[in-house]
C-alpha cells in the first residue's frame, strides 16, 4: 500500500496530515507548503507569470500545472484542493477570476475578469445537515483550446466548452458548449455556429 493510500485509510493519520498542510478553519496551505513544497511539486511553464496578488491555494496532494507563456492576473484564486488544475500554453486567467478543480484549461484560452470556473459542489439532500458538512461532489470542467470567455461568467461543474467557442459576458454555462459556437445568457444557449461550408458565422 502506498503512503498516500495509507494516510487516506486511517482517519487519525489523515486528520493529522491535513492539520500539517492546512490551518484549522482555513482553506489555504500553510506557509511552509507554499514556500518549500509547491515550487518543487507543481509545474510552471517557461515565460509564464503568476501575479503576486494571486491567491494560490494549491496543495501537494493534487496536481497544478501552468503551461508556457500563460498569465494568471492579480486577485485571482487557483484552488486544487478537491481536484487537479491544468492550464495550457499562452492562456490568460483575467483579473479576479476563481478556478477550482478539477479543471482543464487548454491553450490560447482567454478568460476575462471576474469569472468563476468551479468543478466543486456540495451535497444538500439531507435536510438536517448543513450543505457545508455534506459530501463534496466534483465533476471535471474542460475548456478547450482557443476559447474566449467574457467577463462575469460562471462555468459550472461537469461542463465541456468546445474548441474556439465564445461565451458572452455575464453568461451562466450549465451545459456543454459545442466547438465553433457563440453562447450567451442565463442559462447560456448557442446563438451562433460557424458554417465551414460557406466560412461564415450563422445565427441559430
C-alpha atoms as a PDB file:
ATOM      1  CA  UNK A   1       0.000   0.000   0.000  1.00  0.00           C
ATOM      2  CA  UNK A   2       1.360   3.435  -0.964  1.00  0.00           C
ATOM      3  CA  UNK A   3       1.947   6.190   1.594  1.00  0.00           C
ATOM      4  CA  UNK A   4      -0.977   8.213   0.217  1.00  0.00           C
ATOM      5  CA  UNK A   5      -3.298   5.205   0.437  1.00  0.00           C
ATOM      6  CA  UNK A   6      -2.161   4.509   4.000  1.00  0.00           C
ATOM      7  CA  UNK A   7      -2.881   8.090   5.053  1.00  0.00           C
ATOM      8  CA  UNK A   8      -6.326   8.068   3.424  1.00  0.00           C
ATOM      9  CA  UNK A   9      -7.232   4.723   5.010  1.00  0.00           C
ATOM     10  CA  UNK A  10      -6.516   5.851   8.583  1.00  0.00           C
ATOM     11  CA  UNK A  11      -8.791   8.692   9.811  1.00  0.00           C
ATOM     12  CA  UNK A  12      -6.388   9.726  12.607  1.00  0.00           C
ATOM     13  CA  UNK A  13      -3.357   9.901  10.306  1.00  0.00           C
ATOM     14  CA  UNK A  14      -5.416  11.662   7.644  1.00  0.00           C
ATOM     15  CA  UNK A  15      -6.582  14.302  10.142  1.00  0.00           C
ATOM     16  CA  UNK A  16      -3.021  14.853  11.368  1.00  0.00           C
ATOM     17  CA  UNK A  17      -1.695  15.139   7.813  1.00  0.00           C
ATOM     18  CA  UNK A  18      -4.362  17.692   6.900  1.00  0.00           C
ATOM     19  CA  UNK A  19      -3.510  19.702  10.025  1.00  0.00           C
ATOM     20  CA  UNK A  20       0.116  19.820   8.882  1.00  0.00           C
ATOM     21  CA  UNK A  21      -0.979  21.066   5.465  1.00  0.00           C
ATOM     22  CA  UNK A  22      -3.895  23.366   6.286  1.00  0.00           C
ATOM     23  CA  UNK A  23      -4.521  25.613   9.332  1.00  0.00           C
ATOM     24  CA  UNK A  24      -7.696  24.912  11.309  1.00  0.00           C
ATOM     25  CA  UNK A  25     -10.775  26.651   9.876  1.00  0.00           C
ATOM     26  CA  UNK A  26      -8.867  27.690   6.758  1.00  0.00           C
ATOM     27  CA  UNK A  27      -8.793  26.614   3.126  1.00  0.00           C
ATOM     28  CA  UNK A  28      -5.289  27.579   2.043  1.00  0.00           C
ATOM     29  CA  UNK A  29      -1.991  25.741   2.512  1.00  0.00           C
ATOM     30  CA  UNK A  30       0.359  26.607   5.337  1.00  0.00           C
ATOM     31  CA  UNK A  31       3.244  28.958   4.556  1.00  0.00           C
ATOM     32  CA  UNK A  32       5.833  26.178   4.615  1.00  0.00           C
ATOM     33  CA  UNK A  33       3.873  24.299   1.950  1.00  0.00           C
ATOM     34  CA  UNK A  34       3.691  27.400  -0.245  1.00  0.00           C
ATOM     35  CA  UNK A  35       7.394  28.178   0.128  1.00  0.00           C
ATOM     36  CA  UNK A  36       9.143  24.829   0.305  1.00  0.00           C
ATOM     37  CA  UNK A  37       6.880  22.195  -1.268  1.00  0.00           C
ATOM     38  CA  UNK A  38       4.736  23.711  -4.037  1.00  0.00           C
ATOM     39  CA  UNK A  39       7.621  25.182  -6.082  1.00  0.00           C
ATOM     40  CA  UNK A  40       9.069  21.669  -6.432  1.00  0.00           C
ATOM     41  CA  UNK A  41       5.787  19.757  -6.724  1.00  0.00           C
ATOM     42  CA  UNK A  42       3.914  21.824  -9.298  1.00  0.00           C
ATOM     43  CA  UNK A  43       4.908  22.806 -12.832  1.00  0.00           C
ATOM     44  CA  UNK A  44       5.142  26.367 -14.133  1.00  0.00           C
ATOM     45  CA  UNK A  45       5.970  26.732 -17.816  1.00  0.00           C
ATOM     46  CA  UNK A  46       8.658  28.866 -19.402  1.00  0.00           C
ATOM     47  CA  UNK A  47       7.761  32.553 -19.567  1.00  0.00           C
ATOM     48  CA  UNK A  48       4.561  32.156 -17.532  1.00  0.00           C
ATOM     49  CA  UNK A  49       3.576  34.760 -14.942  1.00  0.00           C
ATOM     50  CA  UNK A  50       1.561  34.415 -11.740  1.00  0.00           C
ATOM     51  CA  UNK A  51       0.961  37.875 -10.283  1.00  0.00           C
ATOM     52  CA  UNK A  52       1.981  38.406  -6.654  1.00  0.00           C
ATOM     53  CA  UNK A  53      -1.592  39.283  -5.661  1.00  0.00           C
ATOM     54  CA  UNK A  54      -2.904  35.938  -6.915  1.00  0.00           C
ATOM     55  CA  UNK A  55      -4.154  33.576  -4.208  1.00  0.00           C
ATOM     56  CA  UNK A  56      -2.581  30.202  -4.961  1.00  0.00           C
ATOM     57  CA  UNK A  57      -4.476  27.694  -2.830  1.00  0.00           C
ATOM     58  CA  UNK A  58      -2.640  24.729  -4.308  1.00  0.00           C
ATOM     59  CA  UNK A  59      -1.799  21.611  -2.316  1.00  0.00           C
ATOM     60  CA  UNK A  60       0.784  18.883  -2.936  1.00  0.00           C
ATOM     61  CA  UNK A  61      -1.772  16.042  -2.893  1.00  0.00           C
ATOM     62  CA  UNK A  62      -3.317  17.199  -6.207  1.00  0.00           C
ATOM     63  CA  UNK A  63      -1.712  18.482  -9.399  1.00  0.00           C
ATOM     64  CA  UNK A  64      -1.308  22.040 -10.633  1.00  0.00           C
ATOM     65  CA  UNK A  65       0.326  22.753 -13.976  1.00  0.00           C
ATOM     66  CA  UNK A  66       0.688  26.040 -15.859  1.00  0.00           C
ATOM     67  CA  UNK A  67       1.898  25.934 -19.455  1.00  0.00           C
ATOM     68  CA  UNK A  68       4.364  28.149 -21.280  1.00  0.00           C
ATOM     69  CA  UNK A  69       3.760  31.901 -21.666  1.00  0.00           C
ATOM     70  CA  UNK A  70       0.492  31.883 -19.722  1.00  0.00           C
ATOM     71  CA  UNK A  71      -0.631  34.594 -17.310  1.00  0.00           C
ATOM     72  CA  UNK A  72      -2.692  34.492 -14.119  1.00  0.00           C
ATOM     73  CA  UNK A  73      -3.703  38.037 -13.267  1.00  0.00           C
ATOM     74  CA  UNK A  74      -3.978  39.783  -9.893  1.00  0.00           C
ATOM     75  CA  UNK A  75      -6.703  38.975  -7.348  1.00  0.00           C
ATOM     76  CA  UNK A  76      -7.467  35.612  -8.920  1.00  0.00           C
ATOM     77  CA  UNK A  77      -7.736  32.376  -6.916  1.00  0.00           C
ATOM     78  CA  UNK A  78      -6.475  28.986  -8.065  1.00  0.00           C
ATOM     79  CA  UNK A  79      -7.565  26.040  -5.895  1.00  0.00           C
ATOM     80  CA  UNK A  80      -6.685  22.384  -6.476  1.00  0.00           C
ATOM     81  CA  UNK A  81      -7.861  21.185  -3.062  1.00  0.00           C
ATOM     82  CA  UNK A  82     -10.519  18.854  -4.458  1.00  0.00           C
ATOM     83  CA  UNK A  83      -9.187  18.281  -7.978  1.00  0.00           C
ATOM     84  CA  UNK A  84      -6.289  18.847 -10.354  1.00  0.00           C
ATOM     85  CA  UNK A  85      -5.941  22.150 -12.213  1.00  0.00           C
ATOM     86  CA  UNK A  86      -4.225  22.212 -15.613  1.00  0.00           C
ATOM     87  CA  UNK A  87      -3.785  25.423 -17.622  1.00  0.00           C
ATOM     88  CA  UNK A  88      -2.225  25.223 -21.087  1.00  0.00           C
ATOM     89  CA  UNK A  89       0.109  27.409 -23.114  1.00  0.00           C
ATOM     90  CA  UNK A  90      -0.486  31.100 -23.905  1.00  0.00           C
ATOM     91  CA  UNK A  91      -3.668  31.202 -21.829  1.00  0.00           C
ATOM     92  CA  UNK A  92      -4.917  34.130 -19.757  1.00  0.00           C
ATOM     93  CA  UNK A  93      -6.758  33.962 -16.439  1.00  0.00           C
ATOM     94  CA  UNK A  94      -8.020  37.525 -16.026  1.00  0.00           C
ATOM     95  CA  UNK A  95      -8.244  39.802 -13.005  1.00  0.00           C
ATOM     96  CA  UNK A  96     -10.376  38.457 -10.160  1.00  0.00           C
ATOM     97  CA  UNK A  97     -11.111  35.012 -11.586  1.00  0.00           C
ATOM     98  CA  UNK A  98     -11.667  31.890  -9.487  1.00  0.00           C
ATOM     99  CA  UNK A  99     -10.626  28.452 -10.744  1.00  0.00           C
ATOM    100  CA  UNK A 100     -11.459  25.459  -8.525  1.00  0.00           C
ATOM    101  CA  UNK A 101     -10.518  21.980  -9.738  1.00  0.00           C
ATOM    102  CA  UNK A 102     -10.954  19.558 -11.245  1.00  0.00           C
ATOM    103  CA  UNK A 103     -10.426  21.838 -14.254  1.00  0.00           C
ATOM    104  CA  UNK A 104      -8.546  21.516 -17.543  1.00  0.00           C
ATOM    105  CA  UNK A 105      -7.989  24.752 -19.477  1.00  0.00           C
ATOM    106  CA  UNK A 106      -6.454  24.412 -22.928  1.00  0.00           C
ATOM    107  CA  UNK A 107      -4.075  26.525 -24.991  1.00  0.00           C
ATOM    108  CA  UNK A 108      -4.729  30.097 -26.150  1.00  0.00           C
ATOM    109  CA  UNK A 109      -7.727  30.486 -23.849  1.00  0.00           C
ATOM    110  CA  UNK A 110      -8.865  33.995 -22.879  1.00  0.00           C
ATOM    111  CA  UNK A 111     -10.692  34.341 -19.573  1.00  0.00           C
ATOM    112  CA  UNK A 112     -11.752  37.936 -18.964  1.00  0.00           C
ATOM    113  CA  UNK A 113     -12.440  39.428 -15.497  1.00  0.00           C
ATOM    114  CA  UNK A 114     -14.353  38.005 -12.507  1.00  0.00           C
ATOM    115  CA  UNK A 115     -15.084  34.570 -13.968  1.00  0.00           C
ATOM    116  CA  UNK A 116     -15.868  31.572 -11.750  1.00  0.00           C
ATOM    117  CA  UNK A 117     -14.907  28.124 -13.042  1.00  0.00           C
ATOM    118  CA  UNK A 118     -15.647  25.541 -10.355  1.00  0.00           C
ATOM    119  CA  UNK A 119     -15.673  21.761 -10.582  1.00  0.00           C
ATOM    120  CA  UNK A 120     -16.878  21.611  -6.958  1.00  0.00           C
ATOM    121  CA  UNK A 121     -20.347  21.189  -5.492  1.00  0.00           C
ATOM    122  CA  UNK A 122     -21.704  20.291  -2.056  1.00  0.00           C
ATOM    123  CA  UNK A 123     -24.483  17.826  -1.341  1.00  0.00           C
ATOM    124  CA  UNK A 124     -27.679  19.317   0.077  1.00  0.00           C
ATOM    125  CA  UNK A 125     -30.125  16.410   0.047  1.00  0.00           C
ATOM    126  CA  UNK A 126     -30.005  15.598   3.794  1.00  0.00           C
ATOM    127  CA  UNK A 127     -32.116  18.369   5.295  1.00  0.00           C
ATOM    128  CA  UNK A 128     -30.875  18.109   8.901  1.00  0.00           C
ATOM    129  CA  UNK A 129     -27.204  18.555   7.891  1.00  0.00           C
ATOM    130  CA  UNK A 130     -25.903  21.902   6.554  1.00  0.00           C
ATOM    131  CA  UNK A 131     -24.661  21.695   2.942  1.00  0.00           C
ATOM    132  CA  UNK A 132     -21.176  22.716   4.133  1.00  0.00           C
ATOM    133  CA  UNK A 133     -20.981  19.473   6.146  1.00  0.00           C
ATOM    134  CA  UNK A 134     -22.327  17.205   3.430  1.00  0.00           C
ATOM    135  CA  UNK A 135     -20.363  15.237   0.866  1.00  0.00           C
ATOM    136  CA  UNK A 136     -18.188  17.140  -1.586  1.00  0.00           C
ATOM    137  CA  UNK A 137     -19.099  16.383  -5.191  1.00  0.00           C
ATOM    138  CA  UNK A 138     -16.681  17.060  -8.049  1.00  0.00           C
ATOM    139  CA  UNK A 139     -17.021  16.867 -11.808  1.00  0.00           C
ATOM    140  CA  UNK A 140     -14.305  17.967 -14.202  1.00  0.00           C
ATOM    141  CA  UNK A 141     -14.658  21.111 -16.292  1.00  0.00           C
ATOM    142  CA  UNK A 142     -12.873  21.105 -19.657  1.00  0.00           C
ATOM    143  CA  UNK A 143     -12.244  24.347 -21.523  1.00  0.00           C
ATOM    144  CA  UNK A 144     -10.799  23.506 -24.926  1.00  0.00           C
ATOM    145  CA  UNK A 145      -8.208  25.391 -26.967  1.00  0.00           C
ATOM    146  CA  UNK A 146      -8.875  28.899 -28.326  1.00  0.00           C
ATOM    147  CA  UNK A 147     -11.939  29.554 -26.135  1.00  0.00           C
ATOM    148  CA  UNK A 148     -12.851  33.131 -25.187  1.00  0.00           C
ATOM    149  CA  UNK A 149     -14.964  33.636 -22.043  1.00  0.00           C
ATOM    150  CA  UNK A 150     -16.340  37.122 -21.385  1.00  0.00           C
ATOM    151  CA  UNK A 151     -16.356  38.939 -18.058  1.00  0.00           C
ATOM    152  CA  UNK A 152     -18.523  37.884 -15.098  1.00  0.00           C
ATOM    153  CA  UNK A 153     -19.340  34.390 -16.384  1.00  0.00           C
ATOM    154  CA  UNK A 154     -19.875  31.238 -14.320  1.00  0.00           C
ATOM    155  CA  UNK A 155     -18.936  27.790 -15.633  1.00  0.00           C
ATOM    156  CA  UNK A 156     -20.488  25.014 -13.557  1.00  0.00           C
ATOM    157  CA  UNK A 157     -19.134  21.560 -12.694  1.00  0.00           C
ATOM    158  CA  UNK A 158     -19.022  18.914 -15.403  1.00  0.00           C
ATOM    159  CA  UNK A 159     -19.234  21.295 -18.364  1.00  0.00           C
ATOM    160  CA  UNK A 160     -17.111  20.950 -21.514  1.00  0.00           C
ATOM    161  CA  UNK A 161     -16.622  24.015 -23.723  1.00  0.00           C
ATOM    162  CA  UNK A 162     -15.570  23.081 -27.243  1.00  0.00           C
ATOM    163  CA  UNK A 163     -12.723  24.491 -29.303  1.00  0.00           C
ATOM    164  CA  UNK A 164     -12.918  28.153 -30.413  1.00  0.00           C
ATOM    165  CA  UNK A 165     -16.213  28.690 -28.607  1.00  0.00           C
ATOM    166  CA  UNK A 166     -17.116  32.156 -27.341  1.00  0.00           C
ATOM    167  CA  UNK A 167     -19.083  32.735 -24.137  1.00  0.00           C
ATOM    168  CA  UNK A 168     -20.732  36.158 -23.878  1.00  0.00           C
ATOM    169  CA  UNK A 169     -20.199  38.326 -20.814  1.00  0.00           C
ATOM    170  CA  UNK A 170     -22.392  37.535 -17.818  1.00  0.00           C
ATOM    171  CA  UNK A 171     -23.397  34.078 -19.039  1.00  0.00           C
ATOM    172  CA  UNK A 172     -24.012  31.064 -16.779  1.00  0.00           C
ATOM    173  CA  UNK A 173     -22.755  27.912 -18.503  1.00  0.00           C
ATOM    174  CA  UNK A 174     -24.602  24.857 -17.189  1.00  0.00           C
ATOM    175  CA  UNK A 175     -24.391  22.543 -20.223  1.00  0.00           C
ATOM    176  CA  UNK A 176     -21.744  21.531 -22.745  1.00  0.00           C
ATOM    177  CA  UNK A 177     -20.965  24.113 -25.418  1.00  0.00           C
ATOM    178  CA  UNK A 178     -20.192  22.891 -28.958  1.00  0.00           C
ATOM    179  CA  UNK A 179     -16.989  23.918 -30.743  1.00  0.00           C
ATOM    180  CA  UNK A 180     -17.012  26.971 -33.024  1.00  0.00           C
ATOM    181  CA  UNK A 181     -20.089  28.460 -31.404  1.00  0.00           C
ATOM    182  CA  UNK A 182     -21.188  31.609 -29.574  1.00  0.00           C
ATOM    183  CA  UNK A 183     -23.283  31.176 -26.416  1.00  0.00           C
ATOM    184  CA  UNK A 184     -24.916  33.821 -24.234  1.00  0.00           C
ATOM    185  CA  UNK A 185     -27.424  34.137 -21.401  1.00  0.00           C
ATOM    186  CA  UNK A 186     -28.557  32.500 -18.168  1.00  0.00           C
ATOM    187  CA  UNK A 187     -28.512  29.621 -18.726  1.00  0.00           C
ATOM    188  CA  UNK A 188     -26.189  30.033 -21.701  1.00  0.00           C
ATOM    189  CA  UNK A 189     -27.556  28.950 -25.065  1.00  0.00           C
ATOM    190  CA  UNK A 190     -25.996  28.806 -28.512  1.00  0.00           C
ATOM    191  CA  UNK A 191     -26.853  31.802 -30.701  1.00  0.00           C
ATOM    192  CA  UNK A 192     -24.251  31.373 -33.460  1.00  0.00           C
ATOM    193  CA  UNK A 193     -22.406  28.494 -35.117  1.00  0.00           C
ATOM    194  CA  UNK A 194     -19.599  28.588 -37.651  1.00  0.00           C
ATOM    195  CA  UNK A 195     -20.539  27.117 -41.025  1.00  0.00           C
ATOM    196  CA  UNK A 196     -17.463  25.503 -42.553  1.00  0.00           C
ATOM    197  CA  UNK A 197     -19.188  25.169 -45.942  1.00  0.00           C
ATOM    198  CA  UNK A 198     -19.505  28.919 -46.518  1.00  0.00           C
ATOM    199  CA  UNK A 199     -16.931  30.049 -43.932  1.00  0.00           C
ATOM    200  CA  UNK A 200     -19.398  32.265 -42.079  1.00  0.00           C
ATOM    201  CA  UNK A 201     -20.785  32.604 -38.563  1.00  0.00           C
ATOM    202  CA  UNK A 202     -24.543  31.995 -38.730  1.00  0.00           C
ATOM    203  CA  UNK A 203     -27.286  32.678 -36.217  1.00  0.00           C
ATOM    204  CA  UNK A 204     -29.084  29.638 -34.839  1.00  0.00           C
END
